Amino acid sequence: MLSQVWSSATHGVEALPVEIETNVASGMRGLSVVGLPRAAVRESFDRVRAALENNSIPVEWGRITINLAPADVPKESAAFDLPMAVGWVAASTDVVREDVLDRYWLTGELALDGTVRPVNGVLPMAMKAREEGCEGVLVPAENAAEAAVVEDLTVYPVETVRDAFAVLQGPGHHSGPTPYENDMASLYEQARQHTVDFREVRGQENVKRALEVAAAGGHNALMVGPPGSGKTMLARRVPTILPPLSSDEALETTKIHSVSGELQSETGLLATRPFRAPHHTISDAGLCGGGAHPSPGEISLAHNGVLFLDELPEFQRRVLEVLRQPMEEGQITISRAQSTVTYPARFMLVASMNPCPCGHLNDPNRECVCTPAQVQRYLGKISGPLMDRIDLHVEVAPVDFDEMSAEREGESSAAVRERVVRARERQGARFSDTKTHCNAQMGAQDVQTHCGIDDTGENLLRRATDRLGLSARGYTRILKVARTVADLEGAPHIQSNHVSEAIQYRSLDRGWWNG
């Protein structure tokens, strides 16, 4: 007999429909799994057989052929265990009706006792199932909240293989799990809570202002200051002043975390902007994605959020250079012999570094012990082209005792976020007919159209370009930042004071980064 069961395979962050065809023919016992199965799939049959035997679910033996179609897409997940088990039973008996199988997609890894274990990539599968007109999905119970984020799709949480058959036997026999339901409004509200706030940061008003400008325009920022000046504390609070994720952004971001296995099963949805802070020992594959079987890297996990690189010069230079393309294009393409995948990577880069190896150059309270050659070598680890892609360079000074001991709290993240949201709304109206989302993403034509300056501003910018030795990219980024400063003030045109503030954020000695 022949049975057909539907599941999916993940390609990048998207799901592809996979049809599991199972044929049981008379003859000597044998098994053949075809359709580009990887090791985890080839081993599935042993888990499937033990799970069915330990749950006393009868099957027919013989020459068993399992085809995973389409045959030219690699299958590399244990998520095919449950659909293979259902397919084998359906091809052997009349326990499962064929018309019921056509209405559901299945996924899940089986333990030897029949328990259905969680798998990665359930959200992309659920979204694809709805797109294909499927009535519902059967997923591991721990993945149910994730799948239930998709509207107009029935989600059955299955804890054991018997639960799956209870659902698939049809309405007249249904004694298994009931559909899982999410309260999306309360889920969003619960998931949008932040545990940190800008009001907790004492002093550093100039740095807070710079980060507000960066958040308002989606600009990349670099903080330079001695150890203990609060760079990491400030960076961790940047997501709290960014605009809330829209529903589409939340789904897009959650898909990436679902595929990577980084999603918390309790909520099933990532509703706050991600903050990723990889260690400086990370490899280029860990940062940008890749591996023998490509998976998303840290820059994709930071999509629609913040990527924080602490101690920037300590990262390997070749790792940092890989950032240049995704910082410009908002995505990363990984090519392998068998496939090419593209992952989203539209993130806001926030980096921090010491001004020298000992960290106390220009520190009024500590003496620097580094030689000029050591300082030059330390800063030279960061290339000029990478620095050109960082819009704001901010000096972070140590906080004095009076500021640390002051009882007055700083401005809250909510108050800053209101200004940022209003600035983003102005940008949204400006770019409503384009794919641009914020000022940092403006192309050359957009800059020419929306970043005109008066004679006073032009003279300021000319002198700054000569003094700082800015590249064409650096010149353009000053205009973009000036446009953002104007948006924060609600000004329709860029004025000289906006240009002046933008220049301050590029005023670190350009001679340090000539590499």
Protein backbone atom coordinates (compact mmCIF):
# COMPACT_ATOMS: atom_id res chain seq x y z
CA MET A 1 0.00 0.00 0.00
CA LEU A 2 0.98 3.62 -0.52
CA SER A 3 0.50 6.60 1.82
CA GLN A 4 1.27 10.31 1.51
CA VAL A 5 2.01 12.59 4.47
CA TRP A 6 3.00 16.28 4.41
CA SER A 7 5.78 17.94 6.35
CA SER A 8 8.42 20.58 5.54
CA ALA A 9 12.15 21.18 5.22
CA THR A 10 13.88 24.43 6.13
CA HIS A 11 15.87 26.32 3.51
CA GLY A 12 17.40 29.43 5.04
CA VAL A 13 14.56 30.84 7.14
CA GLU A 14 11.81 29.61 4.83
CA ALA A 15 9.97 26.29 4.84
CA LEU A 16 9.59 24.11 1.75
CA PRO A 17 6.75 21.57 1.50
CA VAL A 18 7.96 17.97 1.70
CA GLU A 19 5.77 15.00 0.78
CA ILE A 20 6.64 11.77 2.60
CA GLU A 21 5.57 8.87 0.39
CA THR A 22 5.65 5.46 2.04
CA ASN A 23 5.15 2.22 0.12
CA VAL A 24 4.96 -1.17 1.81
CA ALA A 25 5.31 -4.05 -0.65
CA SER A 26 5.29 -7.79 -0.01
CA GLY A 27 8.60 -9.60 -0.01
CA MET A 28 11.73 -9.83 2.09
CA ARG A 29 12.07 -7.21 4.81
CA GLY A 30 14.04 -4.19 3.71
CA LEU A 31 14.16 -0.43 3.96
CA SER A 32 15.09 2.29 1.51
CA VAL A 33 14.89 6.00 2.35
CA VAL A 34 15.42 8.21 -0.70
CA GLY A 35 15.19 11.93 -1.46
CA LEU A 36 18.58 13.26 -0.29
CA PRO A 37 18.28 12.23 3.39
CA ARG A 38 21.13 13.28 5.66
CA ALA A 39 22.36 11.16 8.58
CA ALA A 40 19.66 12.29 11.05
CA VAL A 41 16.94 11.27 8.56
CA ARG A 42 18.55 7.95 7.64
CA GLU A 43 18.60 7.08 11.34
CA SER A 44 14.94 8.01 11.75
CA PHE A 45 13.56 4.59 10.90
CA ASP A 46 15.16 2.94 13.92
CA ARG A 47 13.57 5.53 16.23
CA VAL A 48 10.23 5.20 14.41
CA ARG A 49 10.19 1.41 14.67
CA ALA A 50 10.99 1.42 18.41
CA ALA A 51 8.41 4.15 19.13
CA LEU A 52 5.65 2.22 17.35
CA GLU A 53 6.57 -1.10 18.93
CA ASN A 54 6.71 0.38 22.44
CA ASN A 55 3.24 1.86 21.94
CA SER A 56 1.77 -1.38 20.51
CA ILE A 57 0.85 0.29 17.21
CA PRO A 58 0.66 -2.42 14.53
CA VAL A 59 2.41 -2.02 11.17
CA GLU A 60 2.98 -4.24 8.18
CA TRP A 61 6.50 -5.42 7.37
CA GLY A 62 7.94 -6.04 3.93
CA ARG A 63 9.89 -4.07 1.40
CA ILE A 64 9.48 -0.50 2.70
CA THR A 65 10.35 2.49 0.51
CA ILE A 66 10.15 6.02 1.89
CA ASN A 67 10.54 8.88 -0.56
CA LEU A 68 11.02 12.46 0.61
CA ALA A 69 9.92 14.71 -2.25
CA PRO A 70 11.13 16.92 -3.82
CA ALA A 71 14.17 14.71 -4.24
CA ASP A 72 16.61 17.54 -4.99
CA VAL A 73 16.23 19.28 -1.58
CA PRO A 74 18.51 17.99 1.22
CA LYS A 75 16.62 16.66 4.27
CA GLU A 76 18.68 16.95 7.44
CA SER A 77 16.36 17.02 10.44
CA ALA A 78 14.94 14.49 12.87
CA ALA A 79 11.67 16.41 12.45
CA PHE A 80 10.62 13.81 9.86
CA ASP A 81 10.29 11.09 12.53
CA LEU A 82 6.60 11.71 13.27
CA PRO A 83 5.42 12.01 9.64
CA MET A 84 7.43 8.88 8.72
CA ALA A 85 5.77 6.96 11.56
CA VAL A 86 2.31 8.12 10.48
CA GLY A 87 3.11 7.30 6.85
CA TRP A 88 4.23 3.77 7.69
CA VAL A 89 1.11 3.09 9.75
CA ALA A 90 -1.15 4.60 7.07
CA ALA A 91 0.49 2.43 4.38
CA SER A 92 0.05 -0.68 6.53
CA THR A 93 -3.44 -0.30 8.01
CA ASP A 94 -6.67 1.65 7.68
CA VAL A 95 -6.24 3.36 11.07
CA VAL A 96 -5.64 6.73 9.41
CA ARG A 97 -8.01 8.01 6.74
CA GLU A 98 -6.37 9.39 3.59
CA ASP A 99 -8.67 12.43 3.42
CA VAL A 100 -7.62 13.41 6.97
CA LEU A 101 -3.91 13.11 6.11
CA ASP A 102 -4.34 15.60 3.27
CA ARG A 103 -5.55 18.29 5.69
CA TYR A 104 -2.61 18.34 8.13
CA TRP A 105 1.15 18.84 8.14
CA LEU A 106 3.22 17.00 10.74
CA THR A 107 6.60 17.46 12.38
CA GLY A 108 8.40 16.12 15.43
CA GLU A 109 11.27 13.98 16.62
CA LEU A 110 10.38 10.67 18.28
CA ALA A 111 11.93 9.22 21.40
CA LEU A 112 12.10 5.44 21.66
CA ASP A 113 9.12 5.42 24.03
CA GLY A 114 6.98 7.39 21.56
CA THR A 115 7.38 10.82 23.16
CA VAL A 116 7.37 13.63 20.59
CA ARG A 117 10.36 15.92 21.15
CA PRO A 118 10.58 19.59 20.07
CA VAL A 119 12.28 20.56 16.81
CA ASN A 120 13.53 23.74 15.17
CA GLY A 121 11.77 25.68 12.42
CA VAL A 122 8.15 25.10 13.47
CA LEU A 123 7.07 28.69 12.84
CA PRO A 124 8.22 28.76 9.17
CA MET A 125 6.47 25.41 8.70
CA ALA A 126 3.21 26.72 10.16
CA MET A 127 3.36 29.84 8.00
CA LYS A 128 3.98 27.75 4.87
CA ALA A 129 1.20 25.32 5.78
CA ARG A 130 -1.30 28.17 6.00
CA GLU A 131 -0.02 29.58 2.70
CA GLU A 132 -0.57 26.20 1.03
CA GLY A 133 -4.17 26.05 2.25
CA CYS A 134 -3.59 23.45 4.95
CA GLU A 135 -6.25 23.14 7.66
CA GLY A 136 -3.87 22.51 10.55
CA VAL A 137 -0.56 21.19 11.84
CA LEU A 138 0.47 18.56 14.37
CA VAL A 139 3.55 19.72 16.27
CA PRO A 140 5.40 18.76 19.47
CA ALA A 141 3.64 20.16 22.53
CA GLU A 142 6.67 22.34 23.39
CA ASN A 143 6.45 23.99 19.95
CA ALA A 144 2.69 24.60 20.03
CA ALA A 145 2.89 28.22 21.26
CA GLU A 146 5.26 29.01 18.42
CA ALA A 147 3.00 27.52 15.73
CA ALA A 148 -0.14 29.08 17.22
CA VAL A 149 1.26 32.55 16.47
CA VAL A 150 0.06 31.93 12.89
CA GLU A 151 -3.56 32.98 12.53
CA ASP A 152 -6.27 30.91 10.79
CA LEU A 153 -4.42 27.64 11.38
CA THR A 154 -5.44 24.85 13.75
CA VAL A 155 -2.51 23.71 15.89
CA TYR A 156 -2.60 20.36 17.70
CA PRO A 157 0.07 19.89 20.42
CA VAL A 158 1.09 16.21 20.50
CA GLU A 159 3.07 14.78 23.38
CA THR A 160 3.22 11.18 22.15
CA VAL A 161 2.83 9.35 18.88
CA ARG A 162 -0.53 8.07 20.13
CA ASP A 163 -1.78 11.68 20.38
CA ALA A 164 -1.03 12.13 16.69
CA PHE A 165 -3.10 9.09 15.71
CA ALA A 166 -5.93 10.23 17.97
CA VAL A 167 -6.17 13.45 15.94
CA LEU A 168 -5.73 11.79 12.55
CA GLN A 169 -8.38 9.12 13.04
CA GLY A 170 -10.96 11.79 12.28
CA PRO A 171 -13.72 13.61 14.16
CA GLY A 172 -15.63 10.47 15.07
CA HIS A 173 -12.66 8.99 16.91
CA HIS A 174 -11.07 12.17 18.25
CA SER A 175 -10.11 11.68 21.89
CA GLY A 176 -6.70 13.27 21.73
CA PRO A 177 -5.36 16.77 22.34
CA THR A 178 -7.47 19.85 21.70
CA PRO A 179 -6.29 22.71 19.48
CA TYR A 180 -3.82 25.11 21.08
CA GLU A 181 -4.90 28.75 21.25
CA ASN A 182 -2.87 31.92 21.88
CA ASP A 183 -4.15 35.21 23.21
CA MET A 184 -2.07 37.34 20.85
CA ALA A 185 -2.85 40.66 22.56
CA SER A 186 -1.67 39.48 25.99
CA LEU A 187 1.23 37.61 24.38
CA TYR A 188 2.50 40.79 22.74
CA GLU A 189 2.05 42.72 25.98
CA GLN A 190 3.90 40.09 28.00
CA ALA A 191 6.73 39.70 25.51
CA ARG A 192 7.34 43.46 25.16
CA GLN A 193 8.43 43.97 28.75
CA HIS A 194 12.01 45.20 29.27
CA THR A 195 14.08 44.41 32.35
CA VAL A 196 16.42 47.42 32.00
CA ASP A 197 15.83 51.16 31.53
CA PHE A 198 17.83 54.23 30.56
CA ARG A 199 16.83 55.95 33.82
CA GLU A 200 19.26 53.62 35.62
CA VAL A 201 22.25 55.22 33.86
CA ARG A 202 23.76 58.10 35.83
CA GLY A 203 25.36 60.93 33.85
CA GLN A 204 26.64 60.36 30.27
CA GLU A 205 24.05 62.74 28.84
CA ASN A 206 26.08 63.31 25.66
CA VAL A 207 26.29 59.57 25.03
CA LYS A 208 22.56 59.11 25.68
CA ARG A 209 21.86 61.84 23.16
CA ALA A 210 24.09 60.16 20.58
CA LEU A 211 22.36 56.81 21.12
CA GLU A 212 18.97 58.50 20.80
CA VAL A 213 20.06 59.91 17.43
CA ALA A 214 21.37 56.48 16.41
CA ALA A 215 18.08 54.80 17.39
CA ALA A 216 15.98 57.45 15.64
CA GLY A 217 17.72 56.92 12.31
CA GLY A 218 18.84 53.29 12.61
CA HIS A 219 22.48 54.39 12.55
CA ASN A 220 25.49 52.34 13.64
CA ALA A 221 27.39 53.72 16.64
CA LEU A 222 30.80 53.28 18.26
CA MET A 223 31.53 54.24 21.87
CA VAL A 224 35.16 54.87 22.83
CA GLY A 225 36.09 55.21 26.48
CA PRO A 226 38.03 53.73 29.41
CA PRO A 227 36.94 50.58 31.27
CA GLY A 228 34.11 51.16 33.72
CA SER A 229 32.71 54.24 32.01
CA GLY A 230 29.37 52.52 31.29
CA LYS A 231 29.67 51.56 27.61
CA THR A 232 28.16 48.09 28.03
CA MET A 233 25.43 49.36 30.36
CA LEU A 234 24.41 51.96 27.78
CA ALA A 235 24.51 49.49 24.88
CA ARG A 236 22.23 47.00 26.66
CA ARG A 237 19.58 49.69 26.98
CA VAL A 238 19.51 50.68 23.31
CA PRO A 239 16.72 48.17 22.45
CA THR A 240 14.51 49.85 25.07
CA ILE A 241 14.46 53.13 23.09
CA LEU A 242 13.92 51.58 19.66
CA PRO A 243 10.39 51.56 18.21
CA PRO A 244 8.33 48.47 19.14
CA LEU A 245 8.41 45.63 16.65
CA SER A 246 5.51 45.59 14.21
CA SER A 247 3.62 42.30 13.82
CA ASP A 248 5.41 41.58 10.53
CA GLU A 249 8.81 42.36 12.03
CA ALA A 250 8.03 40.16 15.04
CA LEU A 251 7.14 37.19 12.82
CA GLU A 252 10.20 37.74 10.62
CA THR A 253 12.51 37.91 13.63
CA THR A 254 10.87 34.96 15.36
CA LYS A 255 11.33 32.80 12.23
CA ILE A 256 15.09 33.26 12.42
CA HIS A 257 15.22 32.33 16.09
CA SER A 258 12.92 29.38 15.42
CA VAL A 259 15.21 27.97 12.74
CA SER A 260 18.22 28.45 15.04
CA GLY A 261 16.59 26.79 18.03
CA GLU A 262 16.92 30.03 20.04
CA LEU A 263 13.21 30.61 20.61
CA GLN A 264 11.75 30.26 24.09
CA SER A 265 8.84 27.82 23.97
CA GLU A 266 6.89 29.61 26.72
CA THR A 267 5.86 32.58 24.58
CA GLY A 268 6.41 31.34 21.03
CA LEU A 269 6.98 34.91 19.86
CA LEU A 270 9.83 37.39 19.97
CA ALA A 271 8.12 40.76 20.47
CA THR A 272 11.07 42.82 21.72
CA ARG A 273 13.97 43.78 19.51
CA PRO A 274 16.79 41.25 19.90
CA PHE A 275 20.08 42.19 21.53
CA ARG A 276 23.02 39.98 20.61
CA ALA A 277 26.45 40.39 22.19
CA PRO A 278 28.86 37.73 20.84
CA HIS A 279 32.26 37.23 22.48
CA HIS A 280 35.27 38.56 20.62
CA THR A 281 36.59 35.02 20.06
CA ILE A 282 33.69 34.26 17.68
CA SER A 283 34.50 32.90 14.22
CA ASP A 284 33.32 34.43 10.96
CA ALA A 285 30.85 31.54 10.53
CA GLY A 286 29.49 32.11 14.04
CA LEU A 287 29.05 35.82 13.40
CA CYS A 288 27.71 35.79 9.85
CA GLY A 289 26.33 32.26 9.56
CA GLY A 290 27.51 29.22 7.66
CA GLY A 291 28.98 25.84 8.51
CA ALA A 292 28.79 22.56 6.64
CA HIS A 293 25.00 22.80 6.87
CA PRO A 294 24.41 26.60 6.86
CA SER A 295 22.65 28.13 9.82
CA PRO A 296 22.01 31.76 10.83
CA GLY A 297 24.81 33.63 12.58
CA GLU A 298 24.72 36.34 15.22
CA ILE A 299 24.08 39.11 12.69
CA SER A 300 20.90 37.33 11.54
CA LEU A 301 19.81 36.63 15.11
CA ALA A 302 20.17 40.41 15.64
CA HIS A 303 17.88 41.12 12.66
CA ASN A 304 15.53 44.04 13.47
CA GLY A 305 17.50 44.59 16.67
CA VAL A 306 20.94 45.43 18.04
CA LEU A 307 24.28 43.69 17.48
CA PHE A 308 26.69 44.72 20.24
CA LEU A 309 30.40 44.12 19.69
CA ASP A 310 32.24 44.83 22.93
CA GLU A 311 36.00 45.46 22.75
CA LEU A 312 35.85 45.84 18.99
CA PRO A 313 39.64 45.68 18.31
CA GLU A 314 39.80 42.29 20.04
CA PHE A 315 37.73 40.67 17.27
CA GLN A 316 39.72 39.06 14.48
CA ARG A 317 40.08 41.52 11.64
CA ARG A 318 38.88 39.04 9.02
CA VAL A 319 35.73 38.47 11.11
CA LEU A 320 35.00 42.20 11.24
CA GLU A 321 35.57 42.61 7.51
CA VAL A 322 32.80 40.10 6.82
CA LEU A 323 30.38 42.59 8.38
CA ARG A 324 30.83 45.14 5.64
CA GLN A 325 28.49 43.59 3.06
CA PRO A 326 25.53 42.82 5.37
CA MET A 327 25.82 46.27 6.98
CA GLU A 328 25.19 47.77 3.54
CA GLU A 329 22.67 45.29 2.13
CA GLY A 330 20.74 44.09 5.17
CA GLN A 331 21.25 40.41 4.32
CA ILE A 332 23.98 37.80 4.10
CA THR A 333 24.29 35.17 1.36
CA ILE A 334 26.09 31.92 2.13
CA SER A 335 27.12 29.72 -0.79
CA ARG A 336 27.98 26.05 -0.51
CA ALA A 337 28.55 23.37 -3.13
CA GLN A 338 25.03 21.97 -2.74
CA SER A 339 23.02 25.10 -2.02
CA THR A 340 22.96 28.86 -1.52
CA VAL A 341 20.96 30.43 1.29
CA THR A 342 20.26 34.04 2.15
CA TYR A 343 19.56 35.16 5.71
CA PRO A 344 18.13 38.55 6.74
CA ALA A 345 20.66 40.73 8.58
CA ARG A 346 19.26 44.23 8.97
CA PHE A 347 20.64 45.20 12.35
CA MET A 348 21.83 48.27 14.22
CA LEU A 349 25.50 47.88 15.12
CA VAL A 350 26.57 49.25 18.49
CA ALA A 351 30.24 48.73 19.28
CA SER A 352 32.53 49.75 22.11
CA MET A 353 36.27 49.88 22.60
CA ASN A 354 39.01 51.27 24.79
CA PRO A 355 41.05 54.15 23.35
CA CYS A 356 44.28 52.17 23.82
CA PRO A 357 45.44 48.74 25.06
CA CYS A 358 45.50 49.79 28.73
CA GLY A 359 42.25 51.72 28.31
CA HIS A 360 43.30 55.00 29.94
CA LEU A 361 44.32 57.25 27.05
CA ASN A 362 42.77 60.69 27.71
CA ASP A 363 41.46 59.46 31.08
CA PRO A 364 41.69 62.39 33.51
CA ASN A 365 41.98 60.07 36.51
CA ARG A 366 44.42 57.40 35.30
CA GLU A 367 47.71 57.60 33.47
CA CYS A 368 48.09 55.80 30.16
CA VAL A 369 51.13 53.49 30.00
CA CYS A 370 50.89 52.72 26.27
CA THR A 371 53.41 53.96 23.72
CA PRO A 372 52.18 55.77 20.58
CA ALA A 373 53.15 52.73 18.53
CA GLN A 374 51.06 50.44 20.74
CA VAL A 375 48.07 52.77 20.46
CA GLN A 376 48.43 52.93 16.68
CA ARG A 377 48.72 49.15 16.39
CA TYR A 378 45.70 48.63 18.66
CA LEU A 379 43.44 51.01 16.76
CA GLY A 380 44.78 49.82 13.43
CA LYS A 381 43.03 46.50 13.96
CA ILE A 382 39.88 48.23 12.72
CA SER A 383 39.95 49.09 9.03
CA GLY A 384 39.02 52.46 7.60
CA PRO A 385 36.26 50.99 5.37
CA LEU A 386 34.59 49.45 8.44
CA MET A 387 34.83 52.71 10.38
CA ASP A 388 33.25 54.52 7.44
CA ARG A 389 30.18 52.32 7.90
CA ILE A 390 29.77 53.41 11.51
CA ASP A 391 27.82 56.66 11.50
CA LEU A 392 28.39 57.92 15.04
CA HIS A 393 31.69 57.90 16.97
CA VAL A 394 31.09 58.86 20.61
CA GLU A 395 33.66 59.49 23.33
CA VAL A 396 32.57 58.13 26.72
CA ALA A 397 34.21 59.83 29.69
CA PRO A 398 34.38 58.34 33.20
CA VAL A 399 31.47 59.28 35.46
CA ASP A 400 32.53 61.42 38.42
CA PHE A 401 31.46 60.81 42.02
CA ASP A 402 28.81 63.55 42.12
CA GLU A 403 26.95 62.06 39.17
CA MET A 404 27.19 58.51 40.51
CA SER A 405 25.90 59.49 43.94
CA ALA A 406 23.14 61.81 42.74
CA GLU A 407 19.64 60.74 43.78
CA ARG A 408 18.01 62.18 40.66
CA GLU A 409 17.26 59.52 38.07
CA GLY A 410 17.85 60.06 34.39
CA GLU A 411 15.22 60.22 31.68
CA SER A 412 13.28 56.99 31.21
CA SER A 413 13.53 54.79 28.13
CA ALA A 414 9.81 55.32 27.49
CA ALA A 415 10.27 59.10 27.21
CA VAL A 416 13.20 58.74 24.85
CA ARG A 417 11.36 56.10 22.84
CA GLU A 418 8.45 58.49 22.24
CA ARG A 419 10.79 60.94 20.49
CA VAL A 420 12.42 58.12 18.54
CA VAL A 421 9.05 56.80 17.39
CA ARG A 422 7.95 60.24 16.21
CA ALA A 423 11.18 60.63 14.24
CA ARG A 424 10.70 57.19 12.68
CA GLU A 425 7.12 58.10 11.75
CA ARG A 426 8.42 61.14 9.85
CA GLN A 427 10.88 58.88 8.04
CA GLY A 428 8.15 56.36 7.31
CA ALA A 429 6.06 59.07 5.67
CA ARG A 430 9.07 60.29 3.72
CA PHE A 431 9.94 56.84 2.38
CA SER A 432 6.41 55.48 2.09
CA ASP A 433 6.77 54.64 -1.60
CA THR A 434 10.18 52.95 -1.27
CA LYS A 435 11.78 49.96 0.47
CA THR A 436 13.76 52.30 2.75
CA HIS A 437 12.72 52.11 6.41
CA CYS A 438 14.94 54.71 8.08
CA ASN A 439 17.53 57.37 7.33
CA ALA A 440 20.49 55.01 7.71
CA GLN A 441 19.22 52.96 4.74
CA MET A 442 19.03 55.90 2.33
CA GLY A 443 20.73 55.40 -1.01
CA ALA A 444 22.60 58.03 -3.00
CA GLN A 445 19.44 59.26 -4.72
CA ASP A 446 17.57 59.52 -1.41
CA VAL A 447 20.41 61.53 0.14
CA GLN A 448 20.39 63.91 -2.80
CA THR A 449 16.63 64.32 -2.57
CA HIS A 450 16.11 64.58 1.20
CA CYS A 451 19.41 65.88 2.61
CA GLY A 452 19.81 69.30 1.06
CA ILE A 453 21.66 71.86 3.25
CA ASP A 454 22.02 75.62 3.17
CA ASP A 455 25.25 77.55 2.49
CA THR A 456 26.21 77.74 6.16
CA GLY A 457 25.82 74.01 6.60
CA GLU A 458 27.73 73.35 3.38
CA ASN A 459 30.67 75.47 4.57
CA LEU A 460 30.70 73.61 7.90
CA LEU A 461 30.71 70.29 6.10
CA ARG A 462 33.49 71.38 3.71
CA ARG A 463 35.78 72.38 6.59
CA ALA A 464 35.02 69.16 8.45
CA THR A 465 35.77 67.06 5.39
CA ASP A 466 39.15 68.77 4.95
CA ARG A 467 40.06 68.57 8.63
CA LEU A 468 38.96 64.95 9.23
CA GLY A 469 39.93 63.57 5.83
CA LEU A 470 36.52 62.01 5.35
CA SER A 471 35.80 59.61 2.52
CA ALA A 472 32.79 60.02 0.26
CA ARG A 473 30.97 57.48 2.43
CA GLY A 474 31.80 59.44 5.58
CA TYR A 475 30.52 62.65 3.98
CA THR A 476 27.24 60.94 3.08
CA ARG A 477 26.80 59.54 6.55
CA ILE A 478 27.13 62.98 8.12
CA LEU A 479 24.25 64.12 5.91
CA LYS A 480 22.16 61.11 6.98
CA VAL A 481 22.81 61.78 10.67
CA ALA A 482 22.01 65.47 10.19
CA ARG A 483 18.70 64.44 8.60
CA THR A 484 17.95 62.34 11.68
CA VAL A 485 18.79 65.17 14.08
CA ALA A 486 16.38 67.36 12.12
CA ASP A 487 13.70 64.65 12.32
CA LEU A 488 14.06 64.51 16.11
CA GLU A 489 13.39 68.23 16.23
CA GLY A 490 10.56 67.98 13.74
CA ALA A 491 12.38 70.30 11.33
CA PRO A 492 11.42 69.90 7.65
CA HIS A 493 14.88 70.94 6.43
CA ILE A 494 18.43 70.32 7.63
CA GLN A 495 19.86 73.40 9.35
CA SER A 496 23.43 74.33 10.21
CA ASN A 497 23.05 73.27 13.87
CA HIS A 498 21.94 69.82 12.72
CA VAL A 499 25.03 69.54 10.53
CA SER A 500 27.22 70.73 13.38
CA GLU A 501 25.90 68.04 15.74
CA ALA A 502 26.32 65.37 13.07
CA ILE A 503 29.95 66.43 12.53
CA GLN A 504 30.64 66.04 16.25
CA TYR A 505 29.75 62.38 15.93
CA ARG A 506 32.51 61.92 13.31
CA SER A 507 35.17 63.96 15.08
CA LEU A 508 37.47 61.21 16.35
CA ASP A 509 40.93 61.50 14.83
CA ARG A 510 40.62 59.88 11.39
CA GLY A 511 44.36 59.31 11.34
CA TRP A 512 43.87 56.44 13.76
CA TRP A 513 42.03 54.35 11.18
CA ASN A 514 44.01 54.52 7.97
CA GLY A 515 44.29 50.75 7.61
